[in-house]
Amino acid sequence: MSELPPDLPRLRTVVTYLRGELNRAERALNTAEEREALAARRHPSTEPPAWLIERGIGVGRLPVRVHAGGCWDARKRCTGISREEARRALVEGVQACPHCRPDAVLGIE
Protein backbone atom coordinates (compact mmCIF):
# COMPACT_ATOMS: atom_id res chain seq x y z
CA MET A 1 0.00 0.00 0.00
CA SER A 2 1.25 3.48 -0.77
CA GLU A 3 2.30 5.90 1.91
CA LEU A 4 -0.19 8.62 2.72
CA PRO A 5 0.94 12.20 3.21
CA PRO A 6 1.33 13.22 6.85
CA ASP A 7 -0.14 16.70 6.61
CA LEU A 8 -3.81 17.59 6.83
CA PRO A 9 -4.26 19.55 3.55
CA ARG A 10 -2.82 16.77 1.37
CA LEU A 11 -4.78 14.08 3.26
CA ARG A 12 -8.00 16.02 2.57
CA THR A 13 -7.06 16.20 -1.10
CA VAL A 14 -6.52 12.42 -1.24
CA VAL A 15 -9.86 11.75 0.47
CA THR A 16 -11.67 14.13 -1.90
CA TYR A 17 -10.08 12.44 -4.90
CA LEU A 18 -10.94 8.95 -3.64
CA ARG A 19 -14.57 9.92 -2.96
CA GLY A 20 -14.85 11.15 -6.54
CA GLU A 21 -13.37 7.92 -7.90
CA LEU A 22 -15.71 5.88 -5.71
CA ASN A 23 -18.70 7.81 -7.06
CA ARG A 24 -17.55 7.20 -10.65
CA ALA A 25 -17.10 3.48 -9.95
CA GLU A 26 -20.55 3.22 -8.34
CA ARG A 27 -22.17 4.96 -11.35
CA ALA A 28 -20.38 2.61 -13.74
CA LEU A 29 -21.53 -0.36 -11.65
CA ASN A 30 -25.14 0.84 -11.69
CA THR A 31 -25.01 1.35 -15.45
CA ALA A 32 -23.62 -2.16 -16.00
CA GLU A 33 -26.26 -3.70 -13.72
CA GLU A 34 -29.06 -1.86 -15.53
CA ARG A 35 -27.69 -2.98 -18.91
CA GLU A 36 -27.53 -6.60 -17.72
CA ALA A 37 -31.06 -6.47 -16.29
CA LEU A 38 -32.37 -5.05 -19.57
CA ALA A 39 -30.66 -7.82 -21.55
CA ALA A 40 -32.14 -10.44 -19.21
CA ARG A 41 -35.64 -9.02 -19.74
CA ARG A 42 -35.15 -9.07 -23.51
CA HIS A 43 -33.91 -12.65 -23.54
CA PRO A 44 -35.32 -14.49 -20.54
CA SER A 45 -33.53 -17.73 -19.87
CA THR A 46 -35.72 -20.71 -20.60
CA GLU A 47 -35.49 -23.94 -18.71
CA PRO A 48 -34.23 -26.77 -20.91
CA PRO A 49 -36.82 -29.46 -21.68
CA ALA A 50 -36.80 -32.54 -19.48
CA TRP A 51 -37.48 -34.88 -22.41
CA LEU A 52 -36.43 -34.82 -26.06
CA ILE A 53 -37.54 -36.59 -29.20
CA GLU A 54 -35.01 -37.09 -31.96
CA ARG A 55 -36.41 -37.15 -35.47
CA GLY A 56 -34.98 -38.81 -38.55
CA ILE A 57 -33.81 -37.14 -41.73
CA GLY A 58 -36.00 -36.68 -44.78
CA VAL A 59 -39.66 -36.55 -45.67
CA GLY A 60 -41.96 -37.10 -42.72
CA ARG A 61 -39.12 -36.93 -40.18
CA LEU A 62 -40.39 -39.78 -38.03
CA PRO A 63 -39.31 -40.09 -34.38
CA VAL A 64 -36.27 -42.33 -34.03
CA ARG A 65 -35.14 -41.93 -30.42
CA VAL A 66 -36.26 -40.54 -27.04
CA HIS A 67 -33.71 -38.79 -24.79
CA ALA A 68 -33.69 -37.35 -21.29
CA GLY A 69 -33.23 -33.58 -21.37
CA GLY A 70 -29.57 -33.47 -20.37
CA CYS A 71 -28.37 -36.32 -22.58
CA TRP A 72 -24.95 -35.76 -24.10
CA ASP A 73 -25.95 -37.72 -27.21
CA ALA A 74 -28.95 -35.52 -28.08
CA ARG A 75 -28.50 -34.03 -31.53
CA LYS A 76 -29.72 -31.03 -33.52
CA ARG A 77 -32.79 -32.91 -34.71
CA CYS A 78 -34.17 -33.06 -31.15
CA THR A 79 -37.14 -31.08 -29.87
CA GLY A 80 -38.56 -30.81 -26.38
CA ILE A 81 -41.56 -32.92 -25.40
CA SER A 82 -43.58 -33.50 -22.25
CA ARG A 83 -43.19 -36.45 -19.92
CA GLU A 84 -46.42 -37.98 -21.24
CA GLU A 85 -45.32 -37.58 -24.86
CA ALA A 86 -42.01 -39.29 -24.03
CA ARG A 87 -43.81 -42.14 -22.28
CA ARG A 88 -46.26 -42.54 -25.19
CA ALA A 89 -43.44 -42.56 -27.77
CA LEU A 90 -41.57 -45.28 -25.88
CA VAL A 91 -44.71 -47.40 -25.48
CA GLU A 92 -45.40 -47.02 -29.22
CA GLY A 93 -41.98 -48.44 -30.04
CA VAL A 94 -39.69 -45.42 -30.48
CA GLN A 95 -36.19 -46.45 -29.43
CA ALA A 96 -34.87 -45.24 -26.07
CA CYS A 97 -31.42 -43.66 -26.03
CA PRO A 98 -28.96 -46.27 -24.75
CA HIS A 99 -26.94 -43.59 -22.92
CA CYS A 100 -29.49 -41.65 -20.87
CA ARG A 101 -32.02 -44.54 -20.65
CA PRO A 102 -35.29 -42.57 -20.55
CA ASP A 103 -37.20 -45.86 -20.49
CA ALA A 104 -35.64 -46.73 -17.13
CA VAL A 105 -36.28 -43.24 -15.74
CA LEU A 106 -39.93 -43.39 -16.83
CA GLY A 107 -40.37 -46.95 -15.59
CA ILE A 108 -40.91 -48.48 -19.06
CA GLU A 109 -38.68 -51.50 -19.60
C-alpha atoms as a PDB file:
ATOM      1  CA  MET A   1       0.000   0.000   0.000  1.00  0.00           C
ATOM      2  CA  SER A   2       1.249   3.480  -0.765  1.00  0.00           C
ATOM      3  CA  GLU A   3       2.296   5.899   1.912  1.00  0.00           C
ATOM      4  CA  LEU A   4      -0.194   8.619   2.718  1.00  0.00           C
ATOM      5  CA  PRO A   5       0.941  12.198   3.209  1.00  0.00           C
ATOM      6  CA  PRO A   6       1.329  13.215   6.847  1.00  0.00           C
ATOM      7  CA  ASP A   7      -0.136  16.702   6.610  1.00  0.00           C
ATOM      8  CA  LEU A   8      -3.813  17.588   6.834  1.00  0.00           C
ATOM      9  CA  PRO A   9      -4.263  19.549   3.551  1.00  0.00           C
ATOM     10  CA  ARG A  10      -2.824  16.766   1.372  1.00  0.00           C
ATOM     11  CA  LEU A  11      -4.782  14.078   3.262  1.00  0.00           C
ATOM     12  CA  ARG A  12      -8.003  16.020   2.575  1.00  0.00           C
ATOM     13  CA  THR A  13      -7.060  16.202  -1.103  1.00  0.00           C
ATOM     14  CA  VAL A  14      -6.522  12.417  -1.240  1.00  0.00           C
ATOM     15  CA  VAL A  15      -9.865  11.752   0.473  1.00  0.00           C
ATOM     16  CA  THR A  16     -11.673  14.133  -1.898  1.00  0.00           C
ATOM     17  CA  TYR A  17     -10.078  12.445  -4.899  1.00  0.00           C
ATOM     18  CA  LEU A  18     -10.941   8.951  -3.641  1.00  0.00           C
ATOM     19  CA  ARG A  19     -14.569   9.920  -2.960  1.00  0.00           C
ATOM     20  CA  GLY A  20     -14.847  11.154  -6.541  1.00  0.00           C
ATOM     21  CA  GLU A  21     -13.367   7.924  -7.897  1.00  0.00           C
ATOM     22  CA  LEU A  22     -15.713   5.878  -5.706  1.00  0.00           C
ATOM     23  CA  ASN A  23     -18.705   7.810  -7.060  1.00  0.00           C
ATOM     24  CA  ARG A  24     -17.547   7.198 -10.649  1.00  0.00           C
ATOM     25  CA  ALA A  25     -17.097   3.484  -9.952  1.00  0.00           C
ATOM     26  CA  GLU A  26     -20.554   3.218  -8.343  1.00  0.00           C
ATOM     27  CA  ARG A  27     -22.167   4.965 -11.353  1.00  0.00           C
ATOM     28  CA  ALA A  28     -20.377   2.609 -13.738  1.00  0.00           C
ATOM     29  CA  LEU A  29     -21.526  -0.362 -11.654  1.00  0.00           C
ATOM     30  CA  ASN A  30     -25.140   0.839 -11.689  1.00  0.00           C
ATOM     31  CA  THR A  31     -25.014   1.347 -15.452  1.00  0.00           C
ATOM     32  CA  ALA A  32     -23.620  -2.155 -16.003  1.00  0.00           C
ATOM     33  CA  GLU A  33     -26.258  -3.703 -13.716  1.00  0.00           C
ATOM     34  CA  GLU A  34     -29.057  -1.861 -15.534  1.00  0.00           C
ATOM     35  CA  ARG A  35     -27.687  -2.982 -18.907  1.00  0.00           C
ATOM     36  CA  GLU A  36     -27.526  -6.604 -17.720  1.00  0.00           C
ATOM     37  CA  ALA A  37     -31.061  -6.472 -16.293  1.00  0.00           C
ATOM     38  CA  LEU A  38     -32.369  -5.045 -19.574  1.00  0.00           C
ATOM     39  CA  ALA A  39     -30.661  -7.816 -21.550  1.00  0.00           C
ATOM     40  CA  ALA A  40     -32.137 -10.442 -19.205  1.00  0.00           C
ATOM     41  CA  ARG A  41     -35.637  -9.016 -19.742  1.00  0.00           C
ATOM     42  CA  ARG A  42     -35.150  -9.067 -23.513  1.00  0.00           C
ATOM     43  CA  HIS A  43     -33.905 -12.655 -23.543  1.00  0.00           C
ATOM     44  CA  PRO A  44     -35.324 -14.487 -20.536  1.00  0.00           C
ATOM     45  CA  SER A  45     -33.534 -17.735 -19.866  1.00  0.00           C
ATOM     46  CA  THR A  46     -35.723 -20.710 -20.599  1.00  0.00           C
ATOM     47  CA  GLU A  47     -35.490 -23.936 -18.713  1.00  0.00           C
ATOM     48  CA  PRO A  48     -34.234 -26.772 -20.908  1.00  0.00           C
ATOM     49  CA  PRO A  49     -36.819 -29.462 -21.682  1.00  0.00           C
ATOM     50  CA  ALA A  50     -36.800 -32.538 -19.477  1.00  0.00           C
ATOM     51  CA  TRP A  51     -37.477 -34.883 -22.408  1.00  0.00           C
ATOM     52  CA  LEU A  52     -36.427 -34.818 -26.060  1.00  0.00           C
ATOM     53  CA  ILE A  53     -37.543 -36.594 -29.197  1.00  0.00           C
ATOM     54  CA  GLU A  54     -35.006 -37.087 -31.962  1.00  0.00           C
ATOM     55  CA  ARG A  55     -36.408 -37.150 -35.467  1.00  0.00           C
ATOM     56  CA  GLY A  56     -34.984 -38.814 -38.553  1.00  0.00           C
ATOM     57  CA  ILE A  57     -33.812 -37.140 -41.734  1.00  0.00           C
ATOM     58  CA  GLY A  58     -36.004 -36.680 -44.778  1.00  0.00           C
ATOM     59  CA  VAL A  59     -39.660 -36.554 -45.674  1.00  0.00           C
ATOM     60  CA  GLY A  60     -41.961 -37.102 -42.723  1.00  0.00           C
ATOM     61  CA  ARG A  61     -39.116 -36.931 -40.178  1.00  0.00           C
ATOM     62  CA  LEU A  62     -40.394 -39.782 -38.035  1.00  0.00           C
ATOM     63  CA  PRO A  63     -39.312 -40.090 -34.384  1.00  0.00           C
ATOM     64  CA  VAL A  64     -36.268 -42.332 -34.032  1.00  0.00           C
ATOM     65  CA  ARG A  65     -35.144 -41.926 -30.418  1.00  0.00           C
ATOM     66  CA  VAL A  66     -36.264 -40.537 -27.044  1.00  0.00           C
ATOM     67  CA  HIS A  67     -33.711 -38.793 -24.791  1.00  0.00           C
ATOM     68  CA  ALA A  68     -33.689 -37.352 -21.290  1.00  0.00           C
ATOM     69  CA  GLY A  69     -33.228 -33.579 -21.374  1.00  0.00           C
ATOM     70  CA  GLY A  70     -29.570 -33.465 -20.366  1.00  0.00           C
ATOM     71  CA  CYS A  71     -28.372 -36.320 -22.583  1.00  0.00           C
ATOM     72  CA  TRP A  72     -24.946 -35.761 -24.102  1.00  0.00           C
ATOM     73  CA  ASP A  73     -25.947 -37.724 -27.207  1.00  0.00           C
ATOM     74  CA  ALA A  74     -28.947 -35.518 -28.081  1.00  0.00           C
ATOM     75  CA  ARG A  75     -28.499 -34.025 -31.534  1.00  0.00           C
ATOM     76  CA  LYS A  76     -29.721 -31.033 -33.517  1.00  0.00           C
ATOM     77  CA  ARG A  77     -32.787 -32.908 -34.709  1.00  0.00           C
ATOM     78  CA  CYS A  78     -34.173 -33.063 -31.148  1.00  0.00           C
ATOM     79  CA  THR A  79     -37.135 -31.080 -29.873  1.00  0.00           C
ATOM     80  CA  GLY A  80     -38.558 -30.807 -26.376  1.00  0.00           C
ATOM     81  CA  ILE A  81     -41.555 -32.923 -25.401  1.00  0.00           C
ATOM     82  CA  SER A  82     -43.579 -33.497 -22.245  1.00  0.00           C
ATOM     83  CA  ARG A  83     -43.192 -36.449 -19.922  1.00  0.00           C
ATOM     84  CA  GLU A  84     -46.422 -37.979 -21.243  1.00  0.00           C
ATOM     85  CA  GLU A  85     -45.320 -37.580 -24.858  1.00  0.00           C
ATOM     86  CA  ALA A  86     -42.006 -39.286 -24.033  1.00  0.00           C
ATOM     87  CA  ARG A  87     -43.807 -42.139 -22.281  1.00  0.00           C
ATOM     88  CA  ARG A  88     -46.257 -42.535 -25.193  1.00  0.00           C
ATOM     89  CA  ALA A  89     -43.444 -42.559 -27.774  1.00  0.00           C
ATOM     90  CA  LEU A  90     -41.571 -45.277 -25.880  1.00  0.00           C
ATOM     91  CA  VAL A  91     -44.707 -47.397 -25.480  1.00  0.00           C
ATOM     92  CA  GLU A  92     -45.403 -47.016 -29.216  1.00  0.00           C
ATOM     93  CA  GLY A  93     -41.977 -48.436 -30.038  1.00  0.00           C
ATOM     94  CA  VAL A  94     -39.691 -45.417 -30.481  1.00  0.00           C
ATOM     95  CA  GLN A  95     -36.190 -46.452 -29.431  1.00  0.00           C
ATOM     96  CA  ALA A  96     -34.867 -45.239 -26.069  1.00  0.00           C
ATOM     97  CA  CYS A  97     -31.417 -43.660 -26.033  1.00  0.00           C
ATOM     98  CA  PRO A  98     -28.955 -46.274 -24.749  1.00  0.00           C
ATOM     99  CA  HIS A  99     -26.937 -43.592 -22.919  1.00  0.00           C
ATOM    100  CA  CYS A 100     -29.485 -41.651 -20.866  1.00  0.00           C
ATOM    101  CA  ARG A 101     -32.021 -44.541 -20.648  1.00  0.00           C
ATOM    102  CA  PRO A 102     -35.295 -42.567 -20.553  1.00  0.00           C
ATOM    103  CA  ASP A 103     -37.200 -45.861 -20.489  1.00  0.00           C
ATOM    104  CA  ALA A 104     -35.641 -46.727 -17.126  1.00  0.00           C
ATOM    105  CA  VAL A 105     -36.285 -43.240 -15.737  1.00  0.00           C
ATOM    106  CA  LEU A 106     -39.930 -43.386 -16.830  1.00  0.00           C
ATOM    107  CA  GLY A 107     -40.365 -46.952 -15.585  1.00  0.00           C
ATOM    108  CA  ILE A 108     -40.914 -48.480 -19.059  1.00  0.00           C
ATOM    109  CA  GLU A 109     -38.680 -51.497 -19.596  1.00  0.00           C
END
